Amino acid sequence: MGQSASLVIPAGMHVAMIMDGNGRWARARGRPRVAGHLAGVDTVRSMTEHAPSLGVGTLTLYAFSADNWRRPATEVNALMRLFRRTLEGEVERCLANSVRMSIIGRRDRLAAPLLRTIDRVEAATLHGRALWLRIAIDYSSRDAIMRAAARYAALHPAGTAPVPGSAEFAALLSEVHHSAPAPDVDLLIRTGGEQRLSDFLLWECSYAELYFTARMWPEFDTSEFSHAVNDFKRRERRFGGLVEAAAG
């Protein structure tokens, strides 16, 4: 179920991360791909613990895209088991650190045991105030935008729908995501050396600053996270406008 929009969103930046490179990290060490996913869980934990100290209030992680269903069934099944086990195992840590956890993305293709775990975790951590951790599972930004548009059209008789405002459409997107509305992304980080968005938060990243690193996700550490945030803070964000020259 979607989470209440009335809940307080922790103050601070919204950082999104595309956690790429688990499989390549494992192969480089002669290990199966699932070993890379297991190692990646440690990085997720490290980033979650470090984020509030960097002024991050919302952290959205790309865990499993809608396109990832095309991977071998053995890997997909292993990931789904890992998601469930990790979510269950992190509840106490989230409560101790006042972290609210949400899962965004489609729910109709997830197995019932994982859905029950998601419901329990979201309910248990609902009132976390230090960080809002959003994990994208079975997520596609294109799919979400199309579903939100279809939902909007269904609310109006044929031919009478006015163009929705950005805030109104963003609220519809949040409903499709099974989430309360989140602030736009300030900084998007992608590990693994690729430099593309891969259908992740396309609406929310309209004015996001981008940071790419060649490090694989299991190698990404708190020092590079800090470097990415500091690099972001040095950038000049104009949002399509102009920044007046300082008076001399």
C-alpha atoms as a PDB file:
ATOM      1  CA  MET A   1       0.000   0.000   0.000  1.00  0.00           C
ATOM      2  CA  GLY A   2       1.094   3.567  -0.576  1.00  0.00           C
ATOM      3  CA  GLN A   3       2.406   5.405   2.423  1.00  0.00           C
ATOM      4  CA  SER A   4       0.729   8.473   3.857  1.00  0.00           C
ATOM      5  CA  ALA A   5       1.671  11.761   2.236  1.00  0.00           C
ATOM      6  CA  SER A   6       1.227  13.479   5.627  1.00  0.00           C
ATOM      7  CA  LEU A   7       4.337  11.885   7.107  1.00  0.00           C
ATOM      8  CA  VAL A   8       7.355  14.115   7.609  1.00  0.00           C
ATOM      9  CA  ILE A   9      10.089  13.834   4.975  1.00  0.00           C
ATOM     10  CA  PRO A  10      13.547  14.177   6.562  1.00  0.00           C
ATOM     11  CA  ALA A  11      15.239  17.454   5.703  1.00  0.00           C
ATOM     12  CA  GLY A  12      18.183  17.345   3.343  1.00  0.00           C
ATOM     13  CA  MET A  13      19.245  16.372  -0.163  1.00  0.00           C
ATOM     14  CA  HIS A  14      17.666  13.643  -2.232  1.00  0.00           C
ATOM     15  CA  VAL A  15      20.374  11.347  -3.554  1.00  0.00           C
ATOM     16  CA  ALA A  16      19.576   8.512  -5.966  1.00  0.00           C
ATOM     17  CA  MET A  17      21.996   5.681  -6.686  1.00  0.00           C
ATOM     18  CA  ILE A  18      22.186   3.195  -9.558  1.00  0.00           C
ATOM     19  CA  MET A  19      23.987   0.306  -7.907  1.00  0.00           C
ATOM     20  CA  ASP A  20      25.805  -1.145 -10.905  1.00  0.00           C
ATOM     21  CA  GLY A  21      28.675  -3.605 -11.120  1.00  0.00           C
ATOM     22  CA  ASN A  22      27.885  -6.392  -8.643  1.00  0.00           C
ATOM     23  CA  GLY A  23      28.139  -9.148 -11.254  1.00  0.00           C
ATOM     24  CA  ARG A  24      31.312  -7.808 -12.835  1.00  0.00           C
ATOM     25  CA  TRP A  25      32.896  -7.407  -9.398  1.00  0.00           C
ATOM     26  CA  ALA A  26      32.171 -11.072  -8.660  1.00  0.00           C
ATOM     27  CA  ARG A  27      33.353 -12.355 -12.051  1.00  0.00           C
ATOM     28  CA  ALA A  28      36.648 -10.487 -11.703  1.00  0.00           C
ATOM     29  CA  ARG A  29      37.233 -12.542  -8.554  1.00  0.00           C
ATOM     30  CA  GLY A  30      36.193 -15.862 -10.074  1.00  0.00           C
ATOM     31  CA  ARG A  31      32.994 -15.955  -8.042  1.00  0.00           C
ATOM     32  CA  PRO A  32      29.325 -16.355  -9.072  1.00  0.00           C
ATOM     33  CA  ARG A  33      27.272 -13.230  -9.747  1.00  0.00           C
ATOM     34  CA  VAL A  34      25.189 -13.734  -6.623  1.00  0.00           C
ATOM     35  CA  ALA A  35      28.360 -13.237  -4.558  1.00  0.00           C
ATOM     36  CA  GLY A  36      28.513  -9.699  -5.950  1.00  0.00           C
ATOM     37  CA  HIS A  37      24.914  -9.052  -4.909  1.00  0.00           C
ATOM     38  CA  LEU A  38      25.683 -10.311  -1.410  1.00  0.00           C
ATOM     39  CA  ALA A  39      28.696  -7.996  -1.192  1.00  0.00           C
ATOM     40  CA  GLY A  40      26.539  -5.159  -2.473  1.00  0.00           C
ATOM     41  CA  VAL A  41      24.273  -5.466   0.566  1.00  0.00           C
ATOM     42  CA  ASP A  42      27.167  -4.359   2.762  1.00  0.00           C
ATOM     43  CA  THR A  43      27.574  -1.256   0.594  1.00  0.00           C
ATOM     44  CA  VAL A  44      23.860  -0.467   0.909  1.00  0.00           C
ATOM     45  CA  ARG A  45      24.169  -0.672   4.672  1.00  0.00           C
ATOM     46  CA  SER A  46      27.250   1.542   4.676  1.00  0.00           C
ATOM     47  CA  MET A  47      25.630   4.194   2.445  1.00  0.00           C
ATOM     48  CA  THR A  48      22.474   4.210   4.563  1.00  0.00           C
ATOM     49  CA  GLU A  49      24.412   4.737   7.765  1.00  0.00           C
ATOM     50  CA  HIS A  50      26.617   7.465   6.260  1.00  0.00           C
ATOM     51  CA  ALA A  51      23.986   9.421   4.328  1.00  0.00           C
ATOM     52  CA  PRO A  52      22.535  11.552   7.180  1.00  0.00           C
ATOM     53  CA  SER A  53      26.003  12.828   8.111  1.00  0.00           C
ATOM     54  CA  LEU A  54      26.305  14.234   4.556  1.00  0.00           C
ATOM     55  CA  GLY A  55      23.034  16.128   4.770  1.00  0.00           C
ATOM     56  CA  VAL A  56      21.072  13.513   2.823  1.00  0.00           C
ATOM     57  CA  GLY A  57      17.429  13.224   3.866  1.00  0.00           C
ATOM     58  CA  THR A  58      16.169  10.902   1.125  1.00  0.00           C
ATOM     59  CA  LEU A  59      18.167   8.074  -0.438  1.00  0.00           C
ATOM     60  CA  THR A  60      16.695   6.118  -3.374  1.00  0.00           C
ATOM     61  CA  LEU A  61      18.481   2.961  -4.508  1.00  0.00           C
ATOM     62  CA  TYR A  62      17.904   1.138  -7.804  1.00  0.00           C
ATOM     63  CA  ALA A  63      17.878  -2.517  -6.778  1.00  0.00           C
ATOM     64  CA  PHE A  64      15.969  -4.301  -9.561  1.00  0.00           C
ATOM     65  CA  SER A  65      14.665  -2.814 -12.791  1.00  0.00           C
ATOM     66  CA  ALA A  66      11.653  -4.047 -14.754  1.00  0.00           C
ATOM     67  CA  ASP A  67      14.114  -5.139 -17.437  1.00  0.00           C
ATOM     68  CA  ASN A  68      16.024  -7.299 -14.960  1.00  0.00           C
ATOM     69  CA  TRP A  69      13.316  -9.957 -15.230  1.00  0.00           C
ATOM     70  CA  ARG A  70      15.086 -10.941 -18.456  1.00  0.00           C
ATOM     71  CA  ARG A  71      18.097 -12.210 -16.513  1.00  0.00           C
ATOM     72  CA  PRO A  72      18.491 -15.967 -15.897  1.00  0.00           C
ATOM     73  CA  ALA A  73      15.796 -17.338 -13.600  1.00  0.00           C
ATOM     74  CA  THR A  74      18.412 -18.609 -11.157  1.00  0.00           C
ATOM     75  CA  GLU A  75      19.786 -15.100 -10.651  1.00  0.00           C
ATOM     76  CA  VAL A  76      16.344 -13.495 -10.418  1.00  0.00           C
ATOM     77  CA  ASN A  77      15.207 -16.037  -7.837  1.00  0.00           C
ATOM     78  CA  ALA A  78      18.384 -15.541  -5.833  1.00  0.00           C
ATOM     79  CA  LEU A  79      17.844 -11.771  -5.865  1.00  0.00           C
ATOM     80  CA  MET A  80      14.251 -12.085  -4.696  1.00  0.00           C
ATOM     81  CA  ARG A  81      15.343 -14.299  -1.808  1.00  0.00           C
ATOM     82  CA  LEU A  82      18.103 -11.824  -0.998  1.00  0.00           C
ATOM     83  CA  PHE A  83      15.651  -8.897  -1.017  1.00  0.00           C
ATOM     84  CA  ARG A  84      13.347 -10.636   1.415  1.00  0.00           C
ATOM     85  CA  ARG A  85      16.111 -11.764   3.745  1.00  0.00           C
ATOM     86  CA  THR A  86      17.813  -8.369   3.713  1.00  0.00           C
ATOM     87  CA  LEU A  87      14.625  -6.397   4.292  1.00  0.00           C
ATOM     88  CA  GLU A  88      13.711  -8.579   7.259  1.00  0.00           C
ATOM     89  CA  GLY A  89      17.228  -8.389   8.658  1.00  0.00           C
ATOM     90  CA  GLU A  90      17.502  -4.598   8.459  1.00  0.00           C
ATOM     91  CA  VAL A  91      14.363  -3.634  10.388  1.00  0.00           C
ATOM     92  CA  GLU A  92      16.067  -3.400  13.783  1.00  0.00           C
ATOM     93  CA  ARG A  93      18.956  -1.413  12.325  1.00  0.00           C
ATOM     94  CA  CYS A  94      16.516   0.988  10.661  1.00  0.00           C
ATOM     95  CA  LEU A  95      14.599   1.459  13.903  1.00  0.00           C
ATOM     96  CA  ALA A  96      17.804   2.060  15.861  1.00  0.00           C
ATOM     97  CA  ASN A  97      18.907   4.723  13.353  1.00  0.00           C
ATOM     98  CA  SER A  98      15.451   6.243  12.737  1.00  0.00           C
ATOM     99  CA  VAL A  99      15.414   5.216   9.072  1.00  0.00           C
ATOM    100  CA  ARG A 100      12.112   4.975   7.265  1.00  0.00           C
ATOM    101  CA  MET A 101      12.154   2.334   4.517  1.00  0.00           C
ATOM    102  CA  SER A 102       9.893   2.269   1.461  1.00  0.00           C
ATOM    103  CA  ILE A 103       9.822   0.030  -1.601  1.00  0.00           C
ATOM    104  CA  ILE A 104       8.904   1.726  -4.874  1.00  0.00           C
ATOM    105  CA  GLY A 105       7.939   0.051  -8.121  1.00  0.00           C
ATOM    106  CA  ARG A 106       5.375  -2.483  -9.266  1.00  0.00           C
ATOM    107  CA  ARG A 107       3.922  -4.935  -6.770  1.00  0.00           C
ATOM    108  CA  ASP A 108       1.850  -7.158  -9.053  1.00  0.00           C
ATOM    109  CA  ARG A 109       4.785  -9.322 -10.193  1.00  0.00           C
ATOM    110  CA  LEU A 110       6.361  -9.873  -6.772  1.00  0.00           C
ATOM    111  CA  ALA A 111       5.767 -13.099  -4.859  1.00  0.00           C
ATOM    112  CA  ALA A 112       3.376 -13.039  -1.905  1.00  0.00           C
ATOM    113  CA  PRO A 113       6.059 -13.742   0.763  1.00  0.00           C
ATOM    114  CA  LEU A 114       8.114 -10.768  -0.438  1.00  0.00           C
ATOM    115  CA  LEU A 115       5.005  -8.566  -0.505  1.00  0.00           C
ATOM    116  CA  ARG A 116       4.199  -9.491   3.075  1.00  0.00           C
ATOM    117  CA  THR A 117       7.760  -8.664   4.097  1.00  0.00           C
ATOM    118  CA  ILE A 118       7.538  -5.283   2.344  1.00  0.00           C
ATOM    119  CA  ASP A 119       4.305  -4.471   4.181  1.00  0.00           C
ATOM    120  CA  ARG A 120       5.828  -5.387   7.547  1.00  0.00           C
ATOM    121  CA  VAL A 121       9.034  -3.428   6.972  1.00  0.00           C
ATOM    122  CA  GLU A 122       7.250  -0.308   5.740  1.00  0.00           C
ATOM    123  CA  ALA A 123       4.832  -0.375   8.671  1.00  0.00           C
ATOM    124  CA  ALA A 124       7.568  -0.973  11.257  1.00  0.00           C
ATOM    125  CA  THR A 125       9.812   1.871  10.035  1.00  0.00           C
ATOM    126  CA  LEU A 126       7.103   4.320   9.044  1.00  0.00           C
ATOM    127  CA  HIS A 127       8.046   7.017  11.522  1.00  0.00           C
ATOM    128  CA  GLY A 128      11.799   7.154  10.914  1.00  0.00           C
ATOM    129  CA  ARG A 129      12.996  10.760  10.857  1.00  0.00           C
ATOM    130  CA  ALA A 130      16.740  10.663  10.163  1.00  0.00           C
ATOM    131  CA  LEU A 131      16.583   9.229   6.631  1.00  0.00           C
ATOM    132  CA  TRP A 132      13.976   8.084   4.127  1.00  0.00           C
ATOM    133  CA  LEU A 133      15.429   5.039   2.369  1.00  0.00           C
ATOM    134  CA  ARG A 134      13.563   4.154  -0.841  1.00  0.00           C
ATOM    135  CA  ILE A 135      14.445   0.933  -2.638  1.00  0.00           C
ATOM    136  CA  ALA A 136      13.290   0.470  -6.226  1.00  0.00           C
ATOM    137  CA  ILE A 137      12.263  -3.115  -7.027  1.00  0.00           C
ATOM    138  CA  ASP A 138      10.608  -4.050 -10.340  1.00  0.00           C
ATOM    139  CA  TYR A 139      10.910  -0.398 -11.270  1.00  0.00           C
ATOM    140  CA  SER A 140      10.596   1.317 -14.653  1.00  0.00           C
ATOM    141  CA  SER A 141      10.268   5.071 -14.929  1.00  0.00           C
ATOM    142  CA  ARG A 142       8.674   4.849 -18.371  1.00  0.00           C
ATOM    143  CA  ASP A 143       6.124   2.361 -17.091  1.00  0.00           C
ATOM    144  CA  ALA A 144       5.353   4.542 -14.078  1.00  0.00           C
ATOM    145  CA  ILE A 145       4.851   7.643 -16.240  1.00  0.00           C
ATOM    146  CA  MET A 146       2.530   5.765 -18.603  1.00  0.00           C
ATOM    147  CA  ARG A 147       0.533   4.310 -15.725  1.00  0.00           C
ATOM    148  CA  ALA A 148       0.219   7.718 -14.070  1.00  0.00           C
ATOM    149  CA  ALA A 149      -0.959   9.252 -17.370  1.00  0.00           C
ATOM    150  CA  ALA A 150      -3.532   6.487 -17.803  1.00  0.00           C
ATOM    151  CA  ARG A 151      -4.760   7.004 -14.242  1.00  0.00           C
ATOM    152  CA  TYR A 152      -5.111  10.728 -14.849  1.00  0.00           C
ATOM    153  CA  ALA A 153      -7.028  10.178 -18.088  1.00  0.00           C
ATOM    154  CA  ALA A 154      -9.376   7.762 -16.321  1.00  0.00           C
ATOM    155  CA  LEU A 155     -10.321  10.515 -13.867  1.00  0.00           C
ATOM    156  CA  HIS A 156     -11.740  12.695 -16.661  1.00  0.00           C
ATOM    157  CA  PRO A 157     -14.339  12.070 -19.366  1.00  0.00           C
ATOM    158  CA  ALA A 158     -12.884  11.588 -22.829  1.00  0.00           C
ATOM    159  CA  GLY A 159     -11.564  14.812 -24.311  1.00  0.00           C
ATOM    160  CA  THR A 160     -12.016  16.911 -21.150  1.00  0.00           C
ATOM    161  CA  ALA A 161      -8.760  16.317 -19.284  1.00  0.00           C
ATOM    162  CA  PRO A 162      -6.747  19.521 -18.830  1.00  0.00           C
ATOM    163  CA  VAL A 163      -2.975  19.284 -18.834  1.00  0.00           C
ATOM    164  CA  PRO A 164      -2.034  18.437 -15.240  1.00  0.00           C
ATOM    165  CA  GLY A 165       0.355  20.595 -13.270  1.00  0.00           C
ATOM    166  CA  SER A 166       3.745  19.197 -12.338  1.00  0.00           C
ATOM    167  CA  ALA A 167       2.807  18.743  -8.682  1.00  0.00           C
ATOM    168  CA  GLU A 168      -0.447  16.988  -9.573  1.00  0.00           C
ATOM    169  CA  PHE A 169       1.262  14.600 -11.953  1.00  0.00           C
ATOM    170  CA  ALA A 170       4.086  13.960  -9.490  1.00  0.00           C
ATOM    171  CA  ALA A 171       1.461  12.942  -6.926  1.00  0.00           C
ATOM    172  CA  LEU A 172       0.006  10.453  -9.416  1.00  0.00           C
ATOM    173  CA  LEU A 173       3.483   9.070 -10.041  1.00  0.00           C
ATOM    174  CA  SER A 174       3.909   8.573  -6.317  1.00  0.00           C
ATOM    175  CA  GLU A 175       0.685   6.589  -6.165  1.00  0.00           C
ATOM    176  CA  VAL A 176       1.914   4.371  -8.981  1.00  0.00           C
ATOM    177  CA  HIS A 177       5.208   3.963  -7.090  1.00  0.00           C
ATOM    178  CA  HIS A 178       3.315   2.898  -3.922  1.00  0.00           C
ATOM    179  CA  SER A 179       4.980   5.767  -2.107  1.00  0.00           C
ATOM    180  CA  ALA A 180       4.296   9.125  -0.574  1.00  0.00           C
ATOM    181  CA  PRO A 181       5.533  12.024  -2.763  1.00  0.00           C
ATOM    182  CA  ALA A 182       9.307  12.455  -2.565  1.00  0.00           C
ATOM    183  CA  PRO A 183      11.338  15.576  -3.379  1.00  0.00           C
ATOM    184  CA  ASP A 184      13.041  15.803  -6.762  1.00  0.00           C
ATOM    185  CA  VAL A 185      16.454  14.160  -6.961  1.00  0.00           C
ATOM    186  CA  ASP A 186      19.361  16.527  -6.321  1.00  0.00           C
ATOM    187  CA  LEU A 187      22.219  14.143  -7.098  1.00  0.00           C
ATOM    188  CA  LEU A 188      22.241  10.881  -9.048  1.00  0.00           C
ATOM    189  CA  ILE A 189      25.248   8.595  -8.537  1.00  0.00           C
ATOM    190  CA  ARG A 190      25.957   5.621 -10.781  1.00  0.00           C
ATOM    191  CA  THR A 191      28.682   3.098 -10.076  1.00  0.00           C
ATOM    192  CA  GLY A 192      30.174   0.535 -12.456  1.00  0.00           C
ATOM    193  CA  GLY A 193      31.513   2.827 -15.183  1.00  0.00           C
ATOM    194  CA  GLU A 194      28.358   3.174 -17.287  1.00  0.00           C
ATOM    195  CA  GLN A 195      26.985   6.656 -17.958  1.00  0.00           C
ATOM    196  CA  ARG A 196      23.247   6.385 -18.517  1.00  0.00           C
ATOM    197  CA  LEU A 197      20.024   6.625 -16.479  1.00  0.00           C
ATOM    198  CA  SER A 198      18.655   3.172 -17.391  1.00  0.00           C
ATOM    199  CA  ASP A 199      14.986   4.142 -16.979  1.00  0.00           C
ATOM    200  CA  PHE A 200      15.462   5.297 -13.373  1.00  0.00           C
ATOM    201  CA  LEU A 201      13.514   8.239 -11.900  1.00  0.00           C
ATOM    202  CA  LEU A 202      13.364  10.088 -15.229  1.00  0.00           C
ATOM    203  CA  TRP A 203      10.729  12.549 -13.999  1.00  0.00           C
ATOM    204  CA  GLU A 204      12.358  13.106 -10.619  1.00  0.00           C
ATOM    205  CA  CYS A 205      15.842  13.546 -12.155  1.00  0.00           C
ATOM    206  CA  SER A 206      14.840  16.395 -14.482  1.00  0.00           C
ATOM    207  CA  TYR A 207      17.352  18.745 -12.830  1.00  0.00           C
ATOM    208  CA  ALA A 208      19.529  16.247 -11.003  1.00  0.00           C
ATOM    209  CA  GLU A 209      23.286  16.608 -11.048  1.00  0.00           C
ATOM    210  CA  LEU A 210      25.008  13.436 -12.259  1.00  0.00           C
ATOM    211  CA  TYR A 211      28.057  11.686 -10.839  1.00  0.00           C
ATOM    212  CA  PHE A 212      29.577   8.627 -12.504  1.00  0.00           C
ATOM    213  CA  THR A 213      32.318   6.435 -11.108  1.00  0.00           C
ATOM    214  CA  ALA A 214      34.166   3.428 -12.510  1.00  0.00           C
ATOM    215  CA  ARG A 215      34.083   1.702  -9.140  1.00  0.00           C
ATOM    216  CA  MET A 216      31.832  -1.340  -8.930  1.00  0.00           C
ATOM    217  CA  TRP A 217      29.044  -1.100  -6.367  1.00  0.00           C
ATOM    218  CA  PRO A 218      30.731  -3.401  -3.796  1.00  0.00           C
ATOM    219  CA  GLU A 219      33.815  -1.141  -4.020  1.00  0.00           C
ATOM    220  CA  PHE A 220      31.917   2.127  -3.553  1.00  0.00           C
ATOM    221  CA  ASP A 221      32.711   3.415  -0.079  1.00  0.00           C
ATOM    222  CA  THR A 222      31.842   6.269   2.239  1.00  0.00           C
ATOM    223  CA  SER A 223      34.857   8.330   1.163  1.00  0.00           C
ATOM    224  CA  GLU A 224      33.704   8.382  -2.454  1.00  0.00           C
ATOM    225  CA  PHE A 225      30.128   9.041  -1.347  1.00  0.00           C
ATOM    226  CA  SER A 226      31.452  12.065   0.548  1.00  0.00           C
ATOM    227  CA  HIS A 227      33.469  13.120  -2.507  1.00  0.00           C
ATOM    228  CA  ALA A 228      30.382  12.907  -4.735  1.00  0.00           C
ATOM    229  CA  VAL A 229      28.346  15.049  -2.346  1.00  0.00           C
ATOM    230  CA  ASN A 230      31.124  17.614  -1.993  1.00  0.00           C
ATOM    231  CA  ASP A 231      31.476  17.731  -5.781  1.00  0.00           C
ATOM    232  CA  PHE A 232      27.729  18.334  -6.013  1.00  0.00           C
ATOM    233  CA  LYS A 233      27.916  21.195  -3.525  1.00  0.00           C
ATOM    234  CA  ARG A 234      30.526  22.953  -5.681  1.00  0.00           C
ATOM    235  CA  ARG A 235      28.297  22.919  -8.753  1.00  0.00           C
ATOM    236  CA  GLU A 236      26.203  25.909  -9.770  1.00  0.00           C
ATOM    237  CA  ARG A 237      22.567  24.925 -10.181  1.00  0.00           C
ATOM    238  CA  ARG A 238      20.546  27.415 -12.254  1.00  0.00           C
ATOM    239  CA  PHE A 239      17.381  25.414 -13.076  1.00  0.00           C
ATOM    240  CA  GLY A 240      17.167  27.127 -16.469  1.00  0.00           C
ATOM    241  CA  GLY A 241      17.686  30.648 -15.098  1.00  0.00           C
ATOM    242  CA  LEU A 242      20.688  32.896 -14.700  1.00  0.00           C
ATOM    243  CA  VAL A 243      22.853  33.540 -11.693  1.00  0.00           C
ATOM    244  CA  GLU A 244      23.579  37.240 -11.305  1.00  0.00           C
ATOM    245  CA  ALA A 245      27.221  38.197 -11.017  1.00  0.00           C
ATOM    246  CA  ALA A 246      28.254  39.114  -7.499  1.00  0.00           C
ATOM    247  CA  ALA A 247      28.462  42.838  -6.928  1.00  0.00           C
ATOM    248  CA  GLY A 248      32.034  44.025  -7.235  1.00  0.00           C
END
